[in-house]
Amino acid sequence: MKKLIALFATSALASTAAVGSVALSGSASVTYDDNGSSPSATSYDADMTVVGTAGGTTLTASYDMEGANPKTTAVDLATTIGPVTIAADMFNGVQKATSSTVSGGQEYETPASVDTGVTVSLDVPIGDATVALDNSGNVILSGTWSGVTLSHTVGDTTVTSAGVALAGIDVNVTNSGGATTWDLATTVSGVDLTLASTQKVTAAFGLAGNTMTVSSIPAVAAVARKTGTSTGSGTNGYGKWAVASAASYSTVAISRDLTSGASLTATYDTSNDSLTLKAAVTF
């Protein structure tokens, strides 16, 4: 492991001096929300991503551009050496552990501690399957057989996921630590339908660049916080948020691409009887 990390460090230094390709991308939007009976509000968002590539090494850095100064949101460096993939998360985007109280006296704990680090993965092809081992000790078996894509991870929490297209329906099922979730997606008479195990239903229809999406979001029951550890080991990792209860609601969003290159979206939300207008552009 130490030799692999040292090799990665050497590769990173060499590629820094000989970056052959740099790509910029980003997005910007302005949103007006009448907030129903509450005072209206206007918000802004602008993001930029810089990707530098040299051979098998890639540096990706993301920034929030609104406000007086740019704010870093992610810096990731990855390189591939044969079957070995080495990835470094160079930006600490996780806050320290804190506790507080939300409505109803429900406590929560932030997923805390430092989240920077290096991950070393080794992919070993065995027939149609791939076996991977990361530096967290997780063993991952994945592959596609007869159109069914399977992934099985054994670690602190065992996760198994499967995806398949059956008669025009995309089916995805995931079991994590004994809890199973699923979603179905299909198109009927030009309408894209999605149904999830949470009972969320989404229907999108219209022509490209001029669509309407109707969503029904189910009620959510309150869930108490789960305390983690400072090292992030164990089932709860660094700790999991509490979930506050919420009533069911629906949204209707109409989106249209403008000749200016921007898009305009109007969304009505029944949870607070509000209408939101959002103009956005991606470059």
Protein backbone atom coordinates (compact mmCIF):
# COMPACT_ATOMS: atom_id res chain seq x y z
CA MET A 1 0.00 0.00 0.00
CA LYS A 2 2.76 2.50 0.96
CA LYS A 3 4.59 1.77 -2.29
CA LEU A 4 1.42 2.33 -4.31
CA ILE A 5 0.77 5.64 -2.58
CA ALA A 6 4.38 6.71 -3.15
CA LEU A 7 4.04 5.79 -6.82
CA PHE A 8 0.86 7.85 -7.00
CA ALA A 9 2.63 10.85 -5.46
CA THR A 10 5.41 10.61 -8.05
CA SER A 11 2.87 10.35 -10.88
CA ALA A 12 1.01 13.39 -9.56
CA LEU A 13 4.13 15.54 -9.45
CA ALA A 14 5.16 14.54 -12.97
CA SER A 15 1.73 15.17 -14.47
CA THR A 16 1.50 18.59 -12.83
CA ALA A 17 4.42 19.78 -14.94
CA ALA A 18 3.03 18.38 -18.17
CA VAL A 19 -0.74 18.90 -18.19
CA GLY A 20 -1.75 18.39 -21.80
CA SER A 21 -5.43 19.22 -21.56
CA VAL A 22 -7.54 21.54 -19.41
CA ALA A 23 -11.34 21.76 -19.76
CA LEU A 24 -13.69 24.29 -18.16
CA SER A 25 -17.40 23.78 -17.62
CA GLY A 26 -20.01 25.38 -15.43
CA SER A 27 -23.54 26.54 -14.84
CA ALA A 28 -25.38 29.57 -13.52
CA SER A 29 -28.94 30.24 -12.46
CA VAL A 30 -31.20 32.80 -10.82
CA THR A 31 -34.34 31.71 -8.99
CA TYR A 32 -37.35 33.73 -7.85
CA ASP A 33 -39.71 32.08 -5.36
CA ASP A 34 -42.93 33.78 -4.28
CA ASN A 35 -42.99 31.43 -1.24
CA GLY A 36 -46.77 31.37 -1.15
CA SER A 37 -48.01 33.44 1.78
CA SER A 38 -44.46 34.06 3.05
CA PRO A 39 -42.19 36.87 1.78
CA SER A 40 -40.74 36.21 -1.67
CA ALA A 41 -37.04 35.53 -2.17
CA THR A 42 -34.46 35.57 -4.95
CA SER A 43 -31.40 33.29 -4.94
CA TYR A 44 -28.39 32.88 -7.21
CA ASP A 45 -26.07 30.00 -8.02
CA ALA A 46 -22.95 29.80 -10.20
CA ASP A 47 -20.58 26.83 -10.38
CA MET A 48 -17.41 26.05 -12.33
CA THR A 49 -15.44 22.84 -12.80
CA VAL A 50 -11.83 22.62 -14.00
CA VAL A 51 -10.57 19.28 -15.33
CA GLY A 52 -6.91 18.75 -16.17
CA THR A 53 -5.80 15.53 -17.87
CA ALA A 54 -2.34 14.15 -18.58
CA GLY A 55 -2.12 10.55 -19.73
CA GLY A 56 -3.95 8.40 -17.22
CA THR A 57 -4.03 11.09 -14.53
CA THR A 58 -6.94 13.51 -14.04
CA LEU A 59 -7.38 16.43 -11.64
CA THR A 60 -10.93 17.69 -11.10
CA ALA A 61 -11.64 20.84 -9.06
CA SER A 62 -15.07 22.39 -8.50
CA TYR A 63 -15.96 25.85 -7.21
CA ASP A 64 -18.99 27.88 -6.13
CA MET A 65 -18.61 31.23 -7.89
CA GLU A 66 -21.36 33.31 -6.29
CA GLY A 67 -20.45 35.66 -3.45
CA ALA A 68 -17.38 37.83 -2.95
CA ASN A 69 -14.88 34.98 -3.39
CA PRO A 70 -14.91 31.58 -5.12
CA LYS A 71 -15.47 28.68 -2.72
CA THR A 72 -13.86 25.28 -3.29
CA THR A 73 -16.36 22.39 -3.20
CA ALA A 74 -14.20 19.48 -4.41
CA VAL A 75 -10.63 18.66 -5.48
CA ASP A 76 -10.00 15.10 -6.69
CA LEU A 77 -6.92 13.53 -8.26
CA ALA A 78 -7.04 10.09 -9.90
CA THR A 79 -4.59 7.96 -11.84
CA THR A 80 -4.67 4.49 -13.37
CA ILE A 81 -1.65 2.18 -13.44
CA GLY A 82 -2.61 -1.06 -15.14
CA PRO A 83 -5.26 -2.76 -12.98
CA VAL A 84 -4.60 -0.34 -10.10
CA THR A 85 -6.67 2.83 -9.69
CA ILE A 86 -5.51 5.39 -7.12
CA ALA A 87 -7.80 8.28 -6.17
CA ALA A 88 -7.11 11.14 -3.74
CA ASP A 89 -9.79 13.34 -2.21
CA MET A 90 -7.82 16.51 -1.53
CA PHE A 91 -10.61 18.72 -0.15
CA ASN A 92 -12.19 18.35 3.27
CA GLY A 93 -15.88 19.01 2.65
CA VAL A 94 -17.22 17.49 5.88
CA GLN A 95 -17.77 19.51 9.05
CA LYS A 96 -16.72 18.44 12.51
CA ALA A 97 -19.23 16.49 14.62
CA THR A 98 -21.89 18.70 16.17
CA SER A 99 -25.23 18.08 17.84
CA SER A 100 -28.24 20.33 17.78
CA THR A 101 -32.02 20.20 17.96
CA VAL A 102 -34.66 20.48 15.25
CA SER A 103 -38.44 20.85 15.53
CA GLY A 104 -40.13 18.42 17.91
CA GLY A 105 -36.94 18.03 19.95
CA GLN A 106 -35.42 15.69 17.39
CA GLU A 107 -31.61 15.69 17.60
CA TYR A 108 -29.22 15.20 14.74
CA GLU A 109 -25.51 14.65 14.25
CA THR A 110 -23.57 15.76 11.20
CA PRO A 111 -21.53 13.19 9.28
CA ALA A 112 -18.28 14.46 10.74
CA SER A 113 -14.48 14.36 10.77
CA VAL A 114 -11.99 14.75 7.94
CA ASP A 115 -13.02 13.17 4.63
CA THR A 116 -9.78 13.62 2.70
CA GLY A 117 -7.73 10.54 1.88
CA VAL A 118 -6.37 8.13 -0.70
CA THR A 119 -8.22 5.09 -2.07
CA VAL A 120 -6.40 2.28 -3.85
CA SER A 121 -8.54 -0.10 -5.92
CA LEU A 122 -7.41 -3.25 -7.64
CA ASP A 123 -9.65 -4.61 -10.41
CA VAL A 124 -9.07 -8.26 -11.23
CA PRO A 125 -11.19 -9.60 -14.12
CA ILE A 126 -12.49 -13.13 -13.62
CA GLY A 127 -14.55 -14.16 -16.63
CA ASP A 128 -17.46 -11.72 -16.83
CA ALA A 129 -16.94 -10.57 -13.24
CA THR A 130 -14.62 -7.96 -11.73
CA VAL A 131 -13.27 -8.18 -8.20
CA ALA A 132 -12.17 -4.92 -6.56
CA LEU A 133 -10.55 -4.20 -3.20
CA ASP A 134 -10.36 -0.71 -1.76
CA ASN A 135 -8.32 0.64 1.13
CA SER A 136 -11.37 0.60 3.41
CA GLY A 137 -11.30 -3.18 3.28
CA ASN A 138 -14.40 -3.46 1.11
CA VAL A 139 -14.48 -6.31 -1.42
CA ILE A 140 -16.62 -5.56 -4.48
CA LEU A 141 -17.84 -8.16 -6.97
CA SER A 142 -19.56 -6.79 -10.07
CA GLY A 143 -20.49 -7.79 -13.60
CA THR A 144 -23.26 -8.20 -16.15
CA TRP A 145 -24.87 -11.54 -16.95
CA SER A 146 -27.75 -12.04 -19.43
CA GLY A 147 -28.51 -8.32 -19.34
CA VAL A 148 -28.58 -8.15 -15.54
CA THR A 149 -25.97 -5.91 -13.88
CA LEU A 150 -25.03 -7.01 -10.35
CA SER A 151 -22.80 -5.47 -7.70
CA HIS A 152 -22.09 -6.96 -4.28
CA THR A 153 -20.02 -5.11 -1.66
CA VAL A 154 -18.83 -6.77 1.55
CA GLY A 155 -17.56 -4.40 4.24
CA ASP A 156 -18.89 -2.54 7.29
CA THR A 157 -22.27 -2.61 5.55
CA THR A 158 -23.07 -5.28 2.97
CA VAL A 159 -24.66 -3.76 -0.14
CA THR A 160 -26.09 -5.67 -3.09
CA SER A 161 -27.58 -3.93 -6.13
CA ALA A 162 -29.08 -5.24 -9.37
CA GLY A 163 -30.33 -3.51 -12.52
CA VAL A 164 -32.08 -4.93 -15.57
CA ALA A 165 -34.31 -3.82 -18.45
CA LEU A 166 -37.40 -6.03 -18.75
CA ALA A 167 -39.93 -5.48 -21.57
CA GLY A 168 -39.17 -1.77 -21.73
CA ILE A 169 -39.05 -1.30 -17.94
CA ASP A 170 -35.79 -0.38 -16.18
CA VAL A 171 -35.68 -2.11 -12.79
CA ASN A 172 -33.15 -1.28 -10.05
CA VAL A 173 -33.04 -3.00 -6.64
CA THR A 174 -30.60 -2.28 -3.79
CA ASN A 175 -30.25 -3.99 -0.42
CA SER A 176 -28.08 -2.16 2.11
CA GLY A 177 -27.63 -3.63 5.56
CA GLY A 178 -30.88 -5.59 5.22
CA ALA A 179 -32.99 -2.64 3.97
CA THR A 180 -34.23 -2.94 0.38
CA THR A 181 -35.11 -0.09 -1.98
CA TRP A 182 -36.19 -0.25 -5.63
CA ASP A 183 -37.31 1.93 -8.53
CA LEU A 184 -39.02 1.32 -11.88
CA ALA A 185 -38.79 3.54 -14.96
CA THR A 186 -40.60 3.20 -18.28
CA THR A 187 -42.12 5.22 -21.12
CA VAL A 188 -45.81 4.90 -22.00
CA SER A 189 -47.26 6.87 -24.96
CA GLY A 190 -44.42 9.37 -24.77
CA VAL A 191 -44.73 9.83 -20.99
CA ASP A 192 -41.66 8.95 -18.87
CA LEU A 193 -42.87 7.33 -15.63
CA THR A 194 -40.80 6.60 -12.52
CA LEU A 195 -42.01 4.75 -9.42
CA ALA A 196 -39.85 4.21 -6.34
CA SER A 197 -40.20 2.08 -3.21
CA THR A 198 -40.64 5.33 -1.25
CA GLN A 199 -43.97 5.69 -3.17
CA LYS A 200 -42.63 8.67 -5.07
CA VAL A 201 -44.16 8.90 -8.55
CA THR A 202 -42.86 11.12 -11.37
CA ALA A 203 -44.32 11.65 -14.83
CA ALA A 204 -42.52 13.73 -17.48
CA PHE A 205 -43.91 14.45 -20.93
CA GLY A 206 -43.51 16.87 -23.80
CA LEU A 207 -41.07 17.47 -26.62
CA ALA A 208 -37.33 17.93 -26.15
CA GLY A 209 -36.72 21.42 -24.79
CA ASN A 210 -40.35 21.91 -23.76
CA THR A 211 -41.40 19.52 -21.00
CA MET A 212 -43.72 19.25 -18.03
CA THR A 213 -42.91 17.06 -15.03
CA VAL A 214 -45.48 16.11 -12.40
CA SER A 215 -44.22 14.58 -9.14
CA SER A 216 -46.04 13.11 -6.16
CA ILE A 217 -43.84 12.97 -3.07
CA PRO A 218 -45.07 10.78 -0.17
CA ALA A 219 -45.13 11.67 3.50
CA VAL A 220 -41.94 11.04 5.49
CA ALA A 221 -41.89 9.65 9.02
CA ALA A 222 -39.44 11.00 11.59
CA VAL A 223 -36.26 8.96 12.17
CA ALA A 224 -33.95 9.46 15.14
CA ARG A 225 -30.30 10.24 14.60
CA LYS A 226 -27.71 7.46 14.57
CA THR A 227 -24.44 8.16 16.32
CA GLY A 228 -21.21 7.31 14.53
CA THR A 229 -17.57 7.38 15.51
CA SER A 230 -14.75 9.86 15.00
CA THR A 231 -13.00 7.37 12.70
CA GLY A 232 -16.09 6.63 10.63
CA SER A 233 -15.86 2.90 11.32
CA GLY A 234 -18.96 0.80 11.84
CA THR A 235 -22.44 0.70 10.32
CA ASN A 236 -23.29 4.36 11.01
CA GLY A 237 -20.00 5.76 9.68
CA TYR A 238 -19.42 9.25 11.07
CA GLY A 239 -23.04 9.49 12.13
CA LYS A 240 -26.34 9.86 10.29
CA TRP A 241 -28.79 12.74 10.22
CA ALA A 242 -32.13 12.52 11.91
CA VAL A 243 -35.06 12.75 9.52
CA ALA A 244 -37.83 15.22 10.36
CA SER A 245 -41.38 14.24 9.49
CA ALA A 246 -42.96 15.84 6.43
CA ALA A 247 -46.42 15.76 4.89
CA SER A 248 -46.97 14.50 1.35
CA TYR A 249 -47.02 17.06 -1.46
CA SER A 250 -46.92 17.41 -5.24
CA THR A 251 -45.01 19.57 -7.70
CA VAL A 252 -45.60 20.56 -11.30
CA ALA A 253 -42.60 21.89 -13.26
CA ILE A 254 -42.71 23.31 -16.80
CA SER A 255 -39.31 23.74 -18.48
CA ARG A 256 -38.51 25.38 -21.80
CA ASP A 257 -35.22 25.87 -23.64
CA LEU A 258 -34.83 29.45 -24.88
CA THR A 259 -33.17 30.56 -28.11
CA SER A 260 -30.68 32.49 -25.97
CA GLY A 261 -29.18 29.18 -24.81
CA ALA A 262 -30.70 29.41 -21.35
CA SER A 263 -33.60 27.42 -19.93
CA LEU A 264 -36.60 28.69 -17.97
CA THR A 265 -38.43 26.53 -15.43
CA ALA A 266 -41.63 27.33 -13.56
CA THR A 267 -42.44 25.05 -10.61
CA TYR A 268 -45.59 24.99 -8.47
CA ASP A 269 -45.27 23.31 -5.05
CA THR A 270 -48.37 22.33 -3.08
CA SER A 271 -46.43 22.03 0.21
CA ASN A 272 -46.39 25.81 0.63
CA ASP A 273 -48.53 26.94 -2.32
CA SER A 274 -45.50 28.58 -3.95
CA LEU A 275 -44.47 29.33 -7.52
CA THR A 276 -40.77 29.31 -8.39
CA LEU A 277 -39.23 30.74 -11.57
CA LYS A 278 -35.69 29.67 -12.45
CA ALA A 279 -33.50 30.78 -15.35
CA ALA A 280 -30.35 28.71 -15.89
CA VAL A 281 -27.51 28.26 -18.38
CA THR A 282 -24.89 25.53 -18.71
CA PHE A 283 -21.61 25.90 -20.58
